[in-house]
Amino acid sequence: MARQLRILIIRNQPLLFTFTVSRFGRIASVKVLMTADTTVFDLVGITNPTTQTGISAGLSVFTWICQIVAVFVGKRVGRKTILLWVWPILLLGLVGLCVSRWVFDAGRG
């Protein structure tokens, strides 16, 4: 029984990986905004439904274009090179986020 379960898991590993990535992708980046976009727009003061729809459509198109560009860049430059360039930029962004939070908290007194 355990051997059959192990074989079943190994055979379906790509399927499990795809499912896991798609589920975690839902809680990351723009997907959060696309899921609760009307609530977020209402909170920031954008209450016109036409404007909300336009912003949502624009974000969807922008995300689609970024994915296409990422595929072409990934094939041309290589994943390792992209990884080596992105990590320092992400660390700089994290430092900037921490500094801006510190400045914001200091300003509130």
N, C-alpha and C. Protein backbone atom coordinates (compact mmCIF):
# COMPACT_ATOMS: atom_id res chain seq x y z
N MET A 1 0.82 -1.19 0.00
CA MET A 1 0.00 0.00 0.00
C MET A 1 0.87 1.26 0.00
N ALA A 2 1.89 1.29 0.86
CA ALA A 2 2.78 2.46 0.93
C ALA A 2 3.57 2.61 -0.36
N ARG A 3 3.97 1.49 -0.96
CA ARG A 3 4.71 1.54 -2.22
C ARG A 3 3.83 2.09 -3.34
N GLN A 4 2.58 1.68 -3.38
CA GLN A 4 1.66 2.18 -4.41
C GLN A 4 1.42 3.68 -4.25
N LEU A 5 1.30 4.13 -3.01
CA LEU A 5 1.10 5.55 -2.75
C LEU A 5 2.33 6.34 -3.17
N ARG A 6 3.51 5.80 -2.89
CA ARG A 6 4.76 6.47 -3.28
C ARG A 6 4.87 6.57 -4.80
N ILE A 7 4.54 5.52 -5.50
CA ILE A 7 4.57 5.53 -6.96
C ILE A 7 3.56 6.54 -7.50
N LEU A 8 2.37 6.60 -6.90
CA LEU A 8 1.35 7.55 -7.32
C LEU A 8 1.82 8.99 -7.14
N ILE A 9 2.47 9.28 -6.03
CA ILE A 9 2.98 10.63 -5.77
C ILE A 9 4.09 10.98 -6.76
N ILE A 10 5.00 10.05 -7.02
CA ILE A 10 6.11 10.32 -7.94
C ILE A 10 5.60 10.54 -9.35
N ARG A 11 4.62 9.77 -9.78
CA ARG A 11 4.08 9.94 -11.13
C ARG A 11 3.34 11.25 -11.30
N ASN A 12 2.70 11.72 -10.25
CA ASN A 12 1.91 12.94 -10.32
C ASN A 12 2.66 14.16 -9.77
N GLN A 13 3.97 14.06 -9.65
CA GLN A 13 4.74 15.17 -9.09
C GLN A 13 4.61 16.46 -9.89
N PRO A 14 4.68 16.44 -11.22
CA PRO A 14 4.49 17.70 -11.95
C PRO A 14 3.10 18.30 -11.72
N LEU A 15 2.10 17.45 -11.62
CA LEU A 15 0.75 17.94 -11.37
C LEU A 15 0.64 18.58 -9.99
N LEU A 16 1.24 17.94 -8.98
CA LEU A 16 1.22 18.51 -7.63
C LEU A 16 1.99 19.82 -7.57
N PHE A 17 3.13 19.88 -8.25
CA PHE A 17 3.92 21.11 -8.29
C PHE A 17 3.14 22.24 -8.94
N THR A 18 2.49 21.95 -10.05
CA THR A 18 1.70 22.97 -10.75
C THR A 18 0.55 23.46 -9.88
N PHE A 19 -0.12 22.55 -9.21
CA PHE A 19 -1.22 22.94 -8.33
C PHE A 19 -0.72 23.82 -7.19
N THR A 20 0.41 23.44 -6.58
CA THR A 20 0.96 24.21 -5.46
C THR A 20 1.36 25.60 -5.89
N VAL A 21 2.05 25.71 -7.02
CA VAL A 21 2.48 27.02 -7.51
C VAL A 21 1.28 27.89 -7.84
N SER A 22 0.26 27.32 -8.43
CA SER A 22 -0.92 28.12 -8.79
C SER A 22 -1.67 28.59 -7.54
N ARG A 23 -1.71 27.78 -6.49
CA ARG A 23 -2.40 28.19 -5.27
C ARG A 23 -1.61 29.28 -4.54
N PHE A 24 -0.28 29.15 -4.45
CA PHE A 24 0.51 30.18 -3.79
C PHE A 24 0.60 31.44 -4.63
N GLY A 25 0.48 31.31 -5.93
CA GLY A 25 0.48 32.48 -6.80
C GLY A 25 -0.73 33.36 -6.58
N ARG A 26 -1.80 32.79 -6.08
CA ARG A 26 -3.02 33.55 -5.82
C ARG A 26 -2.85 34.57 -4.70
N ILE A 27 -1.94 34.28 -3.75
CA ILE A 27 -1.79 35.18 -2.61
C ILE A 27 -0.60 36.12 -2.77
N ALA A 28 -0.04 36.17 -3.97
CA ALA A 28 1.14 36.99 -4.19
C ALA A 28 0.86 38.08 -5.21
N SER A 29 1.61 39.13 -5.12
CA SER A 29 1.69 40.23 -6.08
C SER A 29 0.35 40.80 -6.50
N VAL A 30 0.14 40.93 -7.78
CA VAL A 30 -1.03 41.62 -8.32
C VAL A 30 -2.29 40.79 -8.13
N LYS A 31 -2.16 39.51 -7.93
CA LYS A 31 -3.34 38.65 -7.78
C LYS A 31 -4.19 39.08 -6.59
N VAL A 32 -3.55 39.56 -5.52
CA VAL A 32 -4.30 40.03 -4.36
C VAL A 32 -5.16 41.23 -4.75
N LEU A 33 -4.56 42.15 -5.50
CA LEU A 33 -5.30 43.34 -5.92
C LEU A 33 -6.42 42.97 -6.89
N MET A 34 -6.16 42.02 -7.77
CA MET A 34 -7.19 41.63 -8.74
C MET A 34 -8.34 40.89 -8.07
N THR A 35 -8.07 40.20 -6.97
CA THR A 35 -9.12 39.47 -6.28
C THR A 35 -10.05 40.40 -5.51
N ALA A 36 -9.48 41.40 -4.85
CA ALA A 36 -10.27 42.31 -4.02
C ALA A 36 -10.17 43.74 -4.53
N ASP A 37 -10.14 43.90 -5.85
CA ASP A 37 -9.88 45.22 -6.41
C ASP A 37 -10.96 46.24 -6.08
N THR A 38 -12.22 45.86 -6.12
CA THR A 38 -13.26 46.86 -5.84
C THR A 38 -13.20 47.34 -4.40
N THR A 39 -12.89 46.45 -3.49
CA THR A 39 -12.77 46.86 -2.09
C THR A 39 -11.61 47.81 -1.90
N VAL A 40 -10.47 47.48 -2.51
CA VAL A 40 -9.29 48.34 -2.39
C VAL A 40 -9.57 49.70 -3.03
N PHE A 41 -10.19 49.71 -4.19
CA PHE A 41 -10.48 50.98 -4.86
C PHE A 41 -11.46 51.83 -4.05
N ASP A 42 -12.45 51.18 -3.44
CA ASP A 42 -13.38 51.93 -2.59
C ASP A 42 -12.66 52.54 -1.39
N LEU A 43 -11.72 51.81 -0.82
CA LEU A 43 -10.99 52.32 0.34
C LEU A 43 -10.12 53.54 0.00
N VAL A 44 -9.57 53.57 -1.21
CA VAL A 44 -8.73 54.71 -1.59
C VAL A 44 -9.52 55.83 -2.25
N GLY A 45 -10.82 55.66 -2.41
CA GLY A 45 -11.66 56.74 -2.90
C GLY A 45 -12.06 56.67 -4.36
N ILE A 46 -11.73 55.59 -5.04
CA ILE A 46 -12.14 55.42 -6.44
C ILE A 46 -13.45 54.64 -6.43
N THR A 47 -14.57 55.34 -6.56
CA THR A 47 -15.87 54.69 -6.42
C THR A 47 -16.61 54.51 -7.74
N ASN A 48 -16.13 55.13 -8.81
CA ASN A 48 -16.78 55.00 -10.11
C ASN A 48 -16.53 53.61 -10.67
N PRO A 49 -17.59 52.82 -10.94
CA PRO A 49 -17.40 51.45 -11.44
C PRO A 49 -16.66 51.39 -12.78
N THR A 50 -16.86 52.38 -13.64
CA THR A 50 -16.18 52.39 -14.93
C THR A 50 -14.67 52.57 -14.73
N THR A 51 -14.31 53.44 -13.83
CA THR A 51 -12.89 53.66 -13.54
C THR A 51 -12.28 52.41 -12.92
N GLN A 52 -13.00 51.78 -12.00
CA GLN A 52 -12.50 50.56 -11.37
C GLN A 52 -12.28 49.45 -12.40
N THR A 53 -13.22 49.31 -13.32
CA THR A 53 -13.09 48.30 -14.37
C THR A 53 -11.92 48.61 -15.28
N GLY A 54 -11.75 49.89 -15.63
CA GLY A 54 -10.63 50.28 -16.48
C GLY A 54 -9.29 50.02 -15.84
N ILE A 55 -9.17 50.32 -14.55
CA ILE A 55 -7.91 50.06 -13.84
C ILE A 55 -7.65 48.56 -13.76
N SER A 56 -8.68 47.78 -13.47
CA SER A 56 -8.52 46.32 -13.40
C SER A 56 -8.10 45.75 -14.75
N ALA A 57 -8.73 46.21 -15.81
CA ALA A 57 -8.37 45.73 -17.15
C ALA A 57 -6.95 46.14 -17.51
N GLY A 58 -6.57 47.36 -17.17
CA GLY A 58 -5.21 47.82 -17.42
C GLY A 58 -4.18 46.99 -16.68
N LEU A 59 -4.47 46.65 -15.42
CA LEU A 59 -3.55 45.80 -14.65
C LEU A 59 -3.45 44.41 -15.25
N SER A 60 -4.56 43.88 -15.73
CA SER A 60 -4.54 42.55 -16.35
C SER A 60 -3.69 42.55 -17.61
N VAL A 61 -3.86 43.56 -18.44
CA VAL A 61 -3.07 43.65 -19.68
C VAL A 61 -1.60 43.85 -19.35
N PHE A 62 -1.31 44.71 -18.37
CA PHE A 62 0.08 44.95 -17.98
C PHE A 62 0.73 43.67 -17.46
N THR A 63 0.01 42.90 -16.65
CA THR A 63 0.53 41.63 -16.13
C THR A 63 0.79 40.66 -17.27
N TRP A 64 -0.11 40.60 -18.23
CA TRP A 64 0.05 39.71 -19.37
C TRP A 64 1.28 40.09 -20.19
N ILE A 65 1.47 41.38 -20.44
CA ILE A 65 2.64 41.86 -21.19
C ILE A 65 3.93 41.54 -20.44
N CYS A 66 3.92 41.75 -19.12
CA CYS A 66 5.11 41.44 -18.32
C CYS A 66 5.46 39.95 -18.37
N GLN A 67 4.46 39.10 -18.38
CA GLN A 67 4.72 37.67 -18.47
C GLN A 67 5.34 37.29 -19.81
N ILE A 68 4.84 37.88 -20.88
CA ILE A 68 5.40 37.60 -22.20
C ILE A 68 6.84 38.08 -22.29
N VAL A 69 7.09 39.30 -21.81
CA VAL A 69 8.46 39.83 -21.81
C VAL A 69 9.37 38.96 -20.96
N ALA A 70 8.88 38.48 -19.81
CA ALA A 70 9.70 37.64 -18.94
C ALA A 70 10.09 36.34 -19.61
N VAL A 71 9.18 35.76 -20.38
CA VAL A 71 9.51 34.52 -21.09
C VAL A 71 10.60 34.77 -22.12
N PHE A 72 10.47 35.84 -22.90
CA PHE A 72 11.49 36.13 -23.92
C PHE A 72 12.83 36.47 -23.29
N VAL A 73 12.83 37.25 -22.23
CA VAL A 73 14.09 37.61 -21.56
C VAL A 73 14.71 36.38 -20.92
N GLY A 74 13.87 35.54 -20.33
CA GLY A 74 14.38 34.31 -19.72
C GLY A 74 15.04 33.39 -20.72
N LYS A 75 14.50 33.31 -21.91
CA LYS A 75 15.12 32.46 -22.94
C LYS A 75 16.37 33.09 -23.52
N ARG A 76 16.39 34.40 -23.61
CA ARG A 76 17.52 35.08 -24.24
C ARG A 76 18.71 35.25 -23.28
N VAL A 77 18.42 35.67 -22.05
CA VAL A 77 19.47 35.97 -21.09
C VAL A 77 19.84 34.75 -20.26
N GLY A 78 18.85 33.99 -19.87
CA GLY A 78 19.09 32.82 -19.03
C GLY A 78 18.58 33.05 -17.62
N ARG A 79 18.09 31.98 -17.03
CA ARG A 79 17.50 32.11 -15.70
C ARG A 79 18.53 32.42 -14.63
N LYS A 80 19.72 31.86 -14.75
CA LYS A 80 20.76 32.10 -13.74
C LYS A 80 21.18 33.56 -13.72
N THR A 81 21.34 34.15 -14.88
CA THR A 81 21.72 35.56 -14.97
C THR A 81 20.62 36.45 -14.39
N ILE A 82 19.38 36.13 -14.70
CA ILE A 82 18.27 36.91 -14.15
C ILE A 82 18.26 36.80 -12.63
N LEU A 83 18.46 35.61 -12.12
CA LEU A 83 18.48 35.41 -10.67
C LEU A 83 19.60 36.22 -10.02
N LEU A 84 20.77 36.22 -10.63
CA LEU A 84 21.90 36.97 -10.06
C LEU A 84 21.68 38.47 -10.12
N TRP A 85 20.91 38.96 -11.08
CA TRP A 85 20.63 40.40 -11.17
C TRP A 85 19.47 40.81 -10.27
N VAL A 86 18.51 39.93 -10.07
CA VAL A 86 17.30 40.29 -9.34
C VAL A 86 17.52 40.32 -7.83
N TRP A 87 18.32 39.42 -7.29
CA TRP A 87 18.50 39.36 -5.84
C TRP A 87 19.03 40.67 -5.25
N PRO A 88 20.08 41.27 -5.81
CA PRO A 88 20.51 42.55 -5.23
C PRO A 88 19.45 43.64 -5.32
N ILE A 89 18.69 43.65 -6.40
CA ILE A 89 17.63 44.65 -6.54
C ILE A 89 16.54 44.41 -5.50
N LEU A 90 16.19 43.16 -5.25
CA LEU A 90 15.19 42.86 -4.23
C LEU A 90 15.69 43.25 -2.84
N LEU A 91 16.96 43.01 -2.57
CA LEU A 91 17.51 43.41 -1.27
C LEU A 91 17.51 44.92 -1.10
N LEU A 92 17.84 45.65 -2.17
CA LEU A 92 17.77 47.11 -2.10
C LEU A 92 16.34 47.59 -1.86
N GLY A 93 15.39 46.96 -2.50
CA GLY A 93 13.99 47.30 -2.27
C GLY A 93 13.56 47.02 -0.84
N LEU A 94 14.04 45.91 -0.27
CA LEU A 94 13.72 45.59 1.11
C LEU A 94 14.31 46.63 2.07
N VAL A 95 15.55 47.03 1.81
CA VAL A 95 16.17 48.06 2.64
C VAL A 95 15.40 49.37 2.51
N GLY A 96 15.02 49.73 1.29
CA GLY A 96 14.23 50.95 1.08
C GLY A 96 12.90 50.89 1.80
N LEU A 97 12.27 49.72 1.79
CA LEU A 97 11.01 49.55 2.50
C LEU A 97 11.18 49.73 4.00
N CYS A 98 12.25 49.16 4.55
CA CYS A 98 12.51 49.30 5.99
C CYS A 98 12.81 50.75 6.36
N VAL A 99 13.60 51.43 5.52
CA VAL A 99 13.94 52.83 5.80
C VAL A 99 12.69 53.70 5.71
N SER A 100 11.87 53.49 4.70
CA SER A 100 10.66 54.30 4.57
C SER A 100 9.70 54.04 5.72
N ARG A 101 9.63 52.82 6.20
CA ARG A 101 8.79 52.52 7.36
C ARG A 101 9.32 53.25 8.60
N TRP A 102 10.63 53.24 8.76
CA TRP A 102 11.24 53.92 9.90
C TRP A 102 10.99 55.43 9.82
N VAL A 103 11.12 56.01 8.64
CA VAL A 103 10.87 57.44 8.46
C VAL A 103 9.39 57.76 8.71
N PHE A 104 8.51 56.92 8.23
CA PHE A 104 7.07 57.13 8.43
C PHE A 104 6.71 57.08 9.90
N ASP A 105 7.25 56.06 10.62
CA ASP A 105 6.97 55.96 12.05
C ASP A 105 7.56 57.11 12.85
N ALA A 106 8.74 57.59 12.45
CA ALA A 106 9.38 58.71 13.15
C ALA A 106 8.58 59.99 12.91
N GLY A 107 7.99 60.15 11.75
CA GLY A 107 7.21 61.34 11.43
C GLY A 107 5.88 61.38 12.16
N ARG A 108 5.33 60.23 12.50
CA ARG A 108 4.05 60.19 13.22
C ARG A 108 4.22 60.56 14.68
N GLY A 109 5.45 60.41 15.18
CA GLY A 109 5.77 60.80 16.54
C GLY A 109 5.13 59.96 17.53
